[in-house]
Amino acid sequence: MNRDKHISSAFDRDLETIQAQVVKMGGMVEAAITDAASALEGRDEELAEQVRRRDKSIDALEAQINEDAARLIALRAPTATDLRMVLAVMKIAASLERVGDYAKNMAKRTAVLSQMPVIDGSAIALRRMSQTVSKMLQDALDSYIRRDADLAEDVRQRDLEVDQMYNALFREFLTYMMEDPRNITPCMHLHFMAKNVERMGDHATSIAEQVIYLVTGELPDDARPKANSVPSDADVVAGG
């Protein structure tokens, strides 16, 4: 075996190890999403606390992936194509870490909400939205492992559904708040949870876009589909 082939085979082995870590991290993040939604629905403060504690393991795995990727670049001097693969792994890990943070933020609010009036249907709606995002994340990671740009594009298109769910929930929470001032505080917490899930969908979409770039060499040139967003706080203040 000549030196170039030896370096290439060593690079492939090292990259496979890092990719296995990314897949493991993805599984941990998917579990965090599911458990955060279940903790809310069941008002299960113990499960919510588990989600919060496990986030440290997700953070530690991202740090390990970045360290291993940096070492791979330093030791193997990858070609431009191989370097693109390593950088994509690092960006995917960063997106997964952010999704884990959003799941942790959901779990933090569960303990507060468990002491407040129940907003009918809200936990079920958030669980349904979380399941949609979790499936997007799973498919985005599958598209990465399989280098499947078509599946990645399908994930990208599904972000519109998450946006629509979020907008519907936002309007529902506004209705509850107008009907009874006692609903304002729990609805505000639930709104922040819904926004966290919506942002998870954005990160799943970012992973899908990294896959498309990895396979085709180009990022999608069209803007990702987005639903008309609810007004921002600034728009409301400005009368928009």
C-alpha atoms as a PDB file:
ATOM      1  CA  MET A   1       0.000   0.000   0.000  1.00  0.00           C
ATOM      2  CA  ASN A   2       1.478   3.375  -0.985  1.00  0.00           C
ATOM      3  CA  ARG A   3       1.577   6.333   1.387  1.00  0.00           C
ATOM      4  CA  ASP A   4      -1.394   8.166  -0.192  1.00  0.00           C
ATOM      5  CA  LYS A   5      -3.627   5.111   0.112  1.00  0.00           C
ATOM      6  CA  HIS A   6      -2.501   4.593   3.686  1.00  0.00           C
ATOM      7  CA  ILE A   7      -3.383   8.190   4.596  1.00  0.00           C
ATOM      8  CA  SER A   8      -6.746   7.901   2.811  1.00  0.00           C
ATOM      9  CA  SER A   9      -7.653   4.683   4.636  1.00  0.00           C
ATOM     10  CA  ALA A  10      -6.610   6.161   7.999  1.00  0.00           C
ATOM     11  CA  PHE A  11      -8.728   9.240   7.269  1.00  0.00           C
ATOM     12  CA  ASP A  12     -11.747   7.068   6.430  1.00  0.00           C
ATOM     13  CA  ARG A  13     -11.382   5.106   9.668  1.00  0.00           C
ATOM     14  CA  ASP A  14     -11.084   8.257  11.749  1.00  0.00           C
ATOM     15  CA  LEU A  15     -14.058   9.864  10.007  1.00  0.00           C
ATOM     16  CA  GLU A  16     -16.188   6.749  10.569  1.00  0.00           C
ATOM     17  CA  THR A  17     -15.427   6.965  14.297  1.00  0.00           C
ATOM     18  CA  ILE A  18     -16.531  10.605  14.378  1.00  0.00           C
ATOM     19  CA  GLN A  19     -19.655   9.829  12.355  1.00  0.00           C
ATOM     20  CA  ALA A  20     -20.560   7.104  14.855  1.00  0.00           C
ATOM     21  CA  GLN A  21     -20.309   9.737  17.601  1.00  0.00           C
ATOM     22  CA  VAL A  22     -22.623  12.023  15.638  1.00  0.00           C
ATOM     23  CA  VAL A  23     -25.180   9.224  15.262  1.00  0.00           C
ATOM     24  CA  LYS A  24     -24.949   8.534  19.013  1.00  0.00           C
ATOM     25  CA  MET A  25     -25.404  12.243  19.719  1.00  0.00           C
ATOM     26  CA  GLY A  26     -28.413  12.317  17.407  1.00  0.00           C
ATOM     27  CA  GLY A  27     -30.040   9.468  19.336  1.00  0.00           C
ATOM     28  CA  MET A  28     -29.472  11.287  22.623  1.00  0.00           C
ATOM     29  CA  VAL A  29     -31.000  14.476  21.231  1.00  0.00           C
ATOM     30  CA  GLU A  30     -34.030  12.655  19.797  1.00  0.00           C
ATOM     31  CA  ALA A  31     -34.596  11.086  23.243  1.00  0.00           C
ATOM     32  CA  ALA A  32     -34.329  14.527  24.853  1.00  0.00           C
ATOM     33  CA  ILE A  33     -37.038  15.918  22.538  1.00  0.00           C
ATOM     34  CA  THR A  34     -39.378  12.986  23.213  1.00  0.00           C
ATOM     35  CA  ASP A  35     -38.815  13.026  26.960  1.00  0.00           C
ATOM     36  CA  ALA A  36     -39.211  16.801  27.250  1.00  0.00           C
ATOM     37  CA  ALA A  37     -42.592  16.592  25.499  1.00  0.00           C
ATOM     38  CA  SER A  38     -43.644  13.579  27.600  1.00  0.00           C
ATOM     39  CA  ALA A  39     -42.612  15.336  30.821  1.00  0.00           C
ATOM     40  CA  LEU A  40     -44.814  18.286  29.903  1.00  0.00           C
ATOM     41  CA  GLU A  41     -47.798  16.128  29.008  1.00  0.00           C
ATOM     42  CA  GLY A  42     -47.511  14.026  32.178  1.00  0.00           C
ATOM     43  CA  ARG A  43     -46.423  16.916  34.399  1.00  0.00           C
ATOM     44  CA  ASP A  44     -43.498  14.658  35.255  1.00  0.00           C
ATOM     45  CA  GLU A  45     -40.923  16.804  37.020  1.00  0.00           C
ATOM     46  CA  GLU A  46     -38.545  13.868  37.562  1.00  0.00           C
ATOM     47  CA  LEU A  47     -38.405  13.096  33.826  1.00  0.00           C
ATOM     48  CA  ALA A  48     -37.909  16.801  33.087  1.00  0.00           C
ATOM     49  CA  GLU A  49     -34.968  16.841  35.507  1.00  0.00           C
ATOM     50  CA  GLN A  50     -33.454  13.835  33.718  1.00  0.00           C
ATOM     51  CA  VAL A  51     -33.621  15.734  30.421  1.00  0.00           C
ATOM     52  CA  ARG A  52     -31.819  18.656  32.037  1.00  0.00           C
ATOM     53  CA  ARG A  53     -29.091  16.453  33.526  1.00  0.00           C
ATOM     54  CA  ARG A  54     -28.514  14.485  30.314  1.00  0.00           C
ATOM     55  CA  ASP A  55     -27.842  17.692  28.383  1.00  0.00           C
ATOM     56  CA  LYS A  56     -24.346  17.740  29.906  1.00  0.00           C
ATOM     57  CA  SER A  57     -23.594  14.441  28.152  1.00  0.00           C
ATOM     58  CA  ILE A  58     -24.782  15.898  24.834  1.00  0.00           C
ATOM     59  CA  ASP A  59     -22.522  18.931  25.324  1.00  0.00           C
ATOM     60  CA  ALA A  60     -19.571  16.691  26.233  1.00  0.00           C
ATOM     61  CA  LEU A  61     -20.066  14.573  23.105  1.00  0.00           C
ATOM     62  CA  GLU A  62     -20.110  17.669  20.883  1.00  0.00           C
ATOM     63  CA  ALA A  63     -16.837  18.813  22.476  1.00  0.00           C
ATOM     64  CA  GLN A  64     -15.341  15.364  21.812  1.00  0.00           C
ATOM     65  CA  ILE A  65     -16.478  15.430  18.180  1.00  0.00           C
ATOM     66  CA  ASN A  66     -14.917  18.863  17.659  1.00  0.00           C
ATOM     67  CA  GLU A  67     -11.671  17.745  19.291  1.00  0.00           C
ATOM     68  CA  ASP A  68     -11.480  14.579  17.188  1.00  0.00           C
ATOM     69  CA  ALA A  69     -12.345  16.493  14.000  1.00  0.00           C
ATOM     70  CA  ALA A  70      -9.648  19.090  14.688  1.00  0.00           C
ATOM     71  CA  ARG A  71      -7.113  16.301  15.284  1.00  0.00           C
ATOM     72  CA  LEU A  72      -8.202  14.603  12.051  1.00  0.00           C
ATOM     73  CA  ILE A  73      -7.587  17.800  10.083  1.00  0.00           C
ATOM     74  CA  ALA A  74      -4.193  18.319  11.711  1.00  0.00           C
ATOM     75  CA  LEU A  75      -2.953  14.736  11.300  1.00  0.00           C
ATOM     76  CA  ARG A  76      -4.424  13.661   7.967  1.00  0.00           C
ATOM     77  CA  ALA A  77      -4.208  16.910   5.950  1.00  0.00           C
ATOM     78  CA  PRO A  78      -7.477  16.106   4.118  1.00  0.00           C
ATOM     79  CA  THR A  79      -8.135  17.081   0.515  1.00  0.00           C
ATOM     80  CA  ALA A  80     -10.701  19.797  -0.227  1.00  0.00           C
ATOM     81  CA  THR A  81     -13.486  17.213  -0.591  1.00  0.00           C
ATOM     82  CA  ASP A  82     -12.526  15.387   2.596  1.00  0.00           C
ATOM     83  CA  LEU A  83     -12.204  18.662   4.477  1.00  0.00           C
ATOM     84  CA  ARG A  84     -15.749  19.524   3.440  1.00  0.00           C
ATOM     85  CA  MET A  85     -16.910  16.265   5.037  1.00  0.00           C
ATOM     86  CA  VAL A  86     -15.133  17.027   8.318  1.00  0.00           C
ATOM     87  CA  LEU A  87     -16.511  20.569   8.481  1.00  0.00           C
ATOM     88  CA  ALA A  88     -20.020  19.258   7.766  1.00  0.00           C
ATOM     89  CA  VAL A  89     -19.700  16.851  10.703  1.00  0.00           C
ATOM     90  CA  MET A  90     -18.730  19.716  13.008  1.00  0.00           C
ATOM     91  CA  LYS A  91     -21.666  21.854  11.840  1.00  0.00           C
ATOM     92  CA  ILE A  92     -24.090  18.951  12.262  1.00  0.00           C
ATOM     93  CA  ALA A  93     -22.813  18.351  15.802  1.00  0.00           C
ATOM     94  CA  ALA A  94     -23.267  22.055  16.579  1.00  0.00           C
ATOM     95  CA  SER A  95     -26.883  21.925  15.353  1.00  0.00           C
ATOM     96  CA  LEU A  96     -27.551  18.830  17.463  1.00  0.00           C
ATOM     97  CA  GLU A  97     -26.113  20.561  20.525  1.00  0.00           C
ATOM     98  CA  ARG A  98     -28.462  23.498  20.013  1.00  0.00           C
ATOM     99  CA  VAL A  99     -31.469  21.178  19.673  1.00  0.00           C
ATOM    100  CA  GLY A 100     -30.432  19.558  22.954  1.00  0.00           C
ATOM    101  CA  ASP A 101     -30.356  22.996  24.562  1.00  0.00           C
ATOM    102  CA  TYR A 102     -33.896  23.712  23.377  1.00  0.00           C
ATOM    103  CA  ALA A 103     -35.093  20.395  24.818  1.00  0.00           C
ATOM    104  CA  LYS A 104     -33.416  21.298  28.108  1.00  0.00           C
ATOM    105  CA  ASN A 105     -35.149  24.699  28.060  1.00  0.00           C
ATOM    106  CA  MET A 106     -38.506  22.949  27.590  1.00  0.00           C
ATOM    107  CA  ALA A 107     -37.766  20.702  30.543  1.00  0.00           C
ATOM    108  CA  LYS A 108     -36.908  23.687  32.744  1.00  0.00           C
ATOM    109  CA  ARG A 109     -40.375  25.165  32.220  1.00  0.00           C
ATOM    110  CA  THR A 110     -42.163  21.897  33.012  1.00  0.00           C
ATOM    111  CA  ALA A 111     -41.586  22.245  36.770  1.00  0.00           C
ATOM    112  CA  VAL A 112     -43.048  25.762  36.681  1.00  0.00           C
ATOM    113  CA  LEU A 113     -46.048  24.745  34.568  1.00  0.00           C
ATOM    114  CA  SER A 114     -46.872  21.789  36.801  1.00  0.00           C
ATOM    115  CA  GLN A 115     -47.951  24.313  39.453  1.00  0.00           C
ATOM    116  CA  MET A 116     -50.226  26.242  37.084  1.00  0.00           C
ATOM    117  CA  PRO A 117     -53.669  25.739  35.513  1.00  0.00           C
ATOM    118  CA  VAL A 118     -53.781  23.235  32.655  1.00  0.00           C
ATOM    119  CA  ILE A 119     -54.286  24.767  29.203  1.00  0.00           C
ATOM    120  CA  ASP A 120     -56.512  22.260  27.425  1.00  0.00           C
ATOM    121  CA  GLY A 121     -54.891  20.495  24.485  1.00  0.00           C
ATOM    122  CA  SER A 122     -51.606  22.402  24.711  1.00  0.00           C
ATOM    123  CA  ALA A 123     -49.419  19.511  25.875  1.00  0.00           C
ATOM    124  CA  ILE A 124     -50.814  17.188  23.200  1.00  0.00           C
ATOM    125  CA  ALA A 125     -50.260  19.817  20.497  1.00  0.00           C
ATOM    126  CA  LEU A 126     -46.680  20.373  21.662  1.00  0.00           C
ATOM    127  CA  ARG A 127     -46.034  16.628  21.721  1.00  0.00           C
ATOM    128  CA  ARG A 128     -47.335  16.324  18.149  1.00  0.00           C
ATOM    129  CA  MET A 129     -45.112  19.212  17.066  1.00  0.00           C
ATOM    130  CA  SER A 130     -42.135  17.646  18.882  1.00  0.00           C
ATOM    131  CA  GLN A 131     -42.754  14.295  17.156  1.00  0.00           C
ATOM    132  CA  THR A 132     -42.718  16.039  13.771  1.00  0.00           C
ATOM    133  CA  VAL A 133     -39.398  17.690  14.564  1.00  0.00           C
ATOM    134  CA  SER A 134     -37.907  14.490  15.982  1.00  0.00           C
ATOM    135  CA  LYS A 135     -38.769  12.663  12.737  1.00  0.00           C
ATOM    136  CA  MET A 136     -37.218  15.498  10.728  1.00  0.00           C
ATOM    137  CA  LEU A 137     -34.045  15.185  12.778  1.00  0.00           C
ATOM    138  CA  GLN A 138     -33.957  11.417  12.390  1.00  0.00           C
ATOM    139  CA  ASP A 139     -34.377  11.687   8.613  1.00  0.00           C
ATOM    140  CA  ALA A 140     -31.794  14.469   8.374  1.00  0.00           C
ATOM    141  CA  LEU A 141     -29.234  12.234  10.102  1.00  0.00           C
ATOM    142  CA  ASP A 142     -30.242   9.266   7.932  1.00  0.00           C
ATOM    143  CA  SER A 143     -29.767  11.434   4.852  1.00  0.00           C
ATOM    144  CA  TYR A 144     -26.268  12.288   6.110  1.00  0.00           C
ATOM    145  CA  ILE A 145     -25.269   8.663   6.689  1.00  0.00           C
ATOM    146  CA  ARG A 146     -26.681   7.623   3.300  1.00  0.00           C
ATOM    147  CA  ARG A 147     -25.557  10.803   1.498  1.00  0.00           C
ATOM    148  CA  ASP A 148     -29.144  11.114   0.282  1.00  0.00           C
ATOM    149  CA  ALA A 149     -29.769  14.641  -1.014  1.00  0.00           C
ATOM    150  CA  ASP A 150     -33.392  13.833  -1.942  1.00  0.00           C
ATOM    151  CA  LEU A 151     -34.257  12.809   1.620  1.00  0.00           C
ATOM    152  CA  ALA A 152     -32.448  15.909   2.900  1.00  0.00           C
ATOM    153  CA  GLU A 153     -34.535  18.101   0.599  1.00  0.00           C
ATOM    154  CA  ASP A 154     -37.688  16.364   1.858  1.00  0.00           C
ATOM    155  CA  VAL A 155     -36.687  17.268   5.434  1.00  0.00           C
ATOM    156  CA  ARG A 156     -36.091  20.830   4.325  1.00  0.00           C
ATOM    157  CA  GLN A 157     -39.594  21.087   2.862  1.00  0.00           C
ATOM    158  CA  ARG A 158     -41.167  19.724   6.050  1.00  0.00           C
ATOM    159  CA  ASP A 159     -39.984  22.735   8.045  1.00  0.00           C
ATOM    160  CA  LEU A 160     -43.025  24.566   6.668  1.00  0.00           C
ATOM    161  CA  GLU A 161     -45.317  22.173   8.559  1.00  0.00           C
ATOM    162  CA  VAL A 162     -43.523  22.951  11.827  1.00  0.00           C
ATOM    163  CA  ASP A 163     -43.874  26.690  11.209  1.00  0.00           C
ATOM    164  CA  GLN A 164     -47.587  26.255  10.574  1.00  0.00           C
ATOM    165  CA  MET A 165     -48.005  24.279  13.809  1.00  0.00           C
ATOM    166  CA  TYR A 166     -46.170  26.987  15.724  1.00  0.00           C
ATOM    167  CA  ASN A 167     -48.287  29.790  14.265  1.00  0.00           C
ATOM    168  CA  ALA A 168     -51.508  27.913  15.066  1.00  0.00           C
ATOM    169  CA  LEU A 169     -50.389  27.340  18.656  1.00  0.00           C
ATOM    170  CA  PHE A 170     -49.371  30.981  19.063  1.00  0.00           C
ATOM    171  CA  ARG A 171     -52.848  32.154  18.026  1.00  0.00           C
ATOM    172  CA  GLU A 172     -54.477  29.562  20.286  1.00  0.00           C
ATOM    173  CA  PHE A 173     -52.458  30.778  23.274  1.00  0.00           C
ATOM    174  CA  LEU A 174     -53.469  34.371  22.526  1.00  0.00           C
ATOM    175  CA  THR A 175     -57.122  33.317  22.592  1.00  0.00           C
ATOM    176  CA  TYR A 176     -56.702  31.614  25.969  1.00  0.00           C
ATOM    177  CA  MET A 177     -54.947  34.681  27.401  1.00  0.00           C
ATOM    178  CA  MET A 178     -57.710  37.016  26.232  1.00  0.00           C
ATOM    179  CA  GLU A 179     -60.411  34.739  27.661  1.00  0.00           C
ATOM    180  CA  ASP A 180     -58.941  34.585  31.177  1.00  0.00           C
ATOM    181  CA  PRO A 181     -56.036  36.617  32.655  1.00  0.00           C
ATOM    182  CA  ARG A 182     -55.113  33.595  34.809  1.00  0.00           C
ATOM    183  CA  ASN A 183     -54.051  31.851  31.592  1.00  0.00           C
ATOM    184  CA  ILE A 184     -51.476  34.510  30.702  1.00  0.00           C
ATOM    185  CA  THR A 185     -48.506  33.115  32.648  1.00  0.00           C
ATOM    186  CA  PRO A 186     -48.923  29.435  31.686  1.00  0.00           C
ATOM    187  CA  CYS A 187     -49.585  30.412  28.063  1.00  0.00           C
ATOM    188  CA  MET A 188     -46.423  32.506  27.977  1.00  0.00           C
ATOM    189  CA  HIS A 189     -44.395  29.509  29.204  1.00  0.00           C
ATOM    190  CA  LEU A 190     -46.094  27.261  26.645  1.00  0.00           C
ATOM    191  CA  HIS A 191     -45.423  29.781  23.893  1.00  0.00           C
ATOM    192  CA  PHE A 192     -41.718  29.777  24.711  1.00  0.00           C
ATOM    193  CA  MET A 193     -41.773  25.981  24.591  1.00  0.00           C
ATOM    194  CA  ALA A 194     -43.455  26.045  21.183  1.00  0.00           C
ATOM    195  CA  LYS A 195     -40.838  28.520  19.966  1.00  0.00           C
ATOM    196  CA  ASN A 196     -38.099  26.167  21.199  1.00  0.00           C
ATOM    197  CA  VAL A 197     -39.597  23.325  19.160  1.00  0.00           C
ATOM    198  CA  GLU A 198     -39.906  25.583  16.105  1.00  0.00           C
ATOM    199  CA  ARG A 199     -36.198  26.422  16.426  1.00  0.00           C
ATOM    200  CA  MET A 200     -35.397  22.701  16.682  1.00  0.00           C
ATOM    201  CA  GLY A 201     -37.041  22.318  13.284  1.00  0.00           C
ATOM    202  CA  ASP A 202     -34.806  25.066  11.910  1.00  0.00           C
ATOM    203  CA  HIS A 203     -31.709  23.208  13.114  1.00  0.00           C
ATOM    204  CA  ALA A 204     -32.925  19.908  11.644  1.00  0.00           C
ATOM    205  CA  THR A 205     -33.345  21.810   8.382  1.00  0.00           C
ATOM    206  CA  SER A 206     -29.818  23.219   8.691  1.00  0.00           C
ATOM    207  CA  ILE A 207     -28.480  19.667   9.025  1.00  0.00           C
ATOM    208  CA  ALA A 208     -30.394  18.689   5.883  1.00  0.00           C
ATOM    209  CA  GLU A 209     -28.891  21.663   4.038  1.00  0.00           C
ATOM    210  CA  GLN A 210     -25.404  20.563   5.103  1.00  0.00           C
ATOM    211  CA  VAL A 211     -26.126  17.156   3.585  1.00  0.00           C
ATOM    212  CA  ILE A 212     -27.229  18.737   0.317  1.00  0.00           C
ATOM    213  CA  TYR A 213     -24.008  20.774   0.277  1.00  0.00           C
ATOM    214  CA  LEU A 214     -21.959  17.676   1.063  1.00  0.00           C
ATOM    215  CA  VAL A 215     -23.519  15.657  -1.765  1.00  0.00           C
ATOM    216  CA  THR A 216     -23.838  18.342  -4.452  1.00  0.00           C
ATOM    217  CA  GLY A 217     -21.125  20.827  -3.487  1.00  0.00           C
ATOM    218  CA  GLU A 218     -23.694  23.614  -3.362  1.00  0.00           C
ATOM    219  CA  LEU A 219     -26.106  24.915  -0.754  1.00  0.00           C
ATOM    220  CA  PRO A 220     -29.755  25.102  -1.877  1.00  0.00           C
ATOM    221  CA  ASP A 221     -30.117  28.295  -3.907  1.00  0.00           C
ATOM    222  CA  ASP A 222     -33.784  28.840  -3.042  1.00  0.00           C
ATOM    223  CA  ALA A 223     -34.979  30.155   0.278  1.00  0.00           C
ATOM    224  CA  ARG A 224     -36.285  27.441   2.558  1.00  0.00           C
ATOM    225  CA  PRO A 225     -40.107  27.359   2.680  1.00  0.00           C
ATOM    226  CA  LYS A 226     -41.440  29.345   5.647  1.00  0.00           C
ATOM    227  CA  ALA A 227     -44.964  29.987   6.820  1.00  0.00           C
ATOM    228  CA  ASN A 228     -46.019  33.580   7.370  1.00  0.00           C
ATOM    229  CA  SER A 229     -44.687  34.192  10.835  1.00  0.00           C
ATOM    230  CA  VAL A 230     -46.703  35.596  13.710  1.00  0.00           C
ATOM    231  CA  PRO A 231     -45.849  39.216  14.537  1.00  0.00           C
ATOM    232  CA  SER A 232     -42.692  39.769  16.552  1.00  0.00           C
ATOM    233  CA  ASP A 233     -42.674  41.794  19.749  1.00  0.00           C
ATOM    234  CA  ALA A 234     -41.128  44.679  17.821  1.00  0.00           C
ATOM    235  CA  ASP A 235     -43.921  44.541  15.241  1.00  0.00           C
ATOM    236  CA  VAL A 236     -46.541  44.619  17.982  1.00  0.00           C
ATOM    237  CA  VAL A 237     -44.900  47.621  19.664  1.00  0.00           C
ATOM    238  CA  ALA A 238     -44.643  49.376  16.315  1.00  0.00           C
ATOM    239  CA  GLY A 239     -48.265  48.605  15.556  1.00  0.00           C
ATOM    240  CA  GLY A 240     -47.344  46.107  12.818  1.00  0.00           C
END
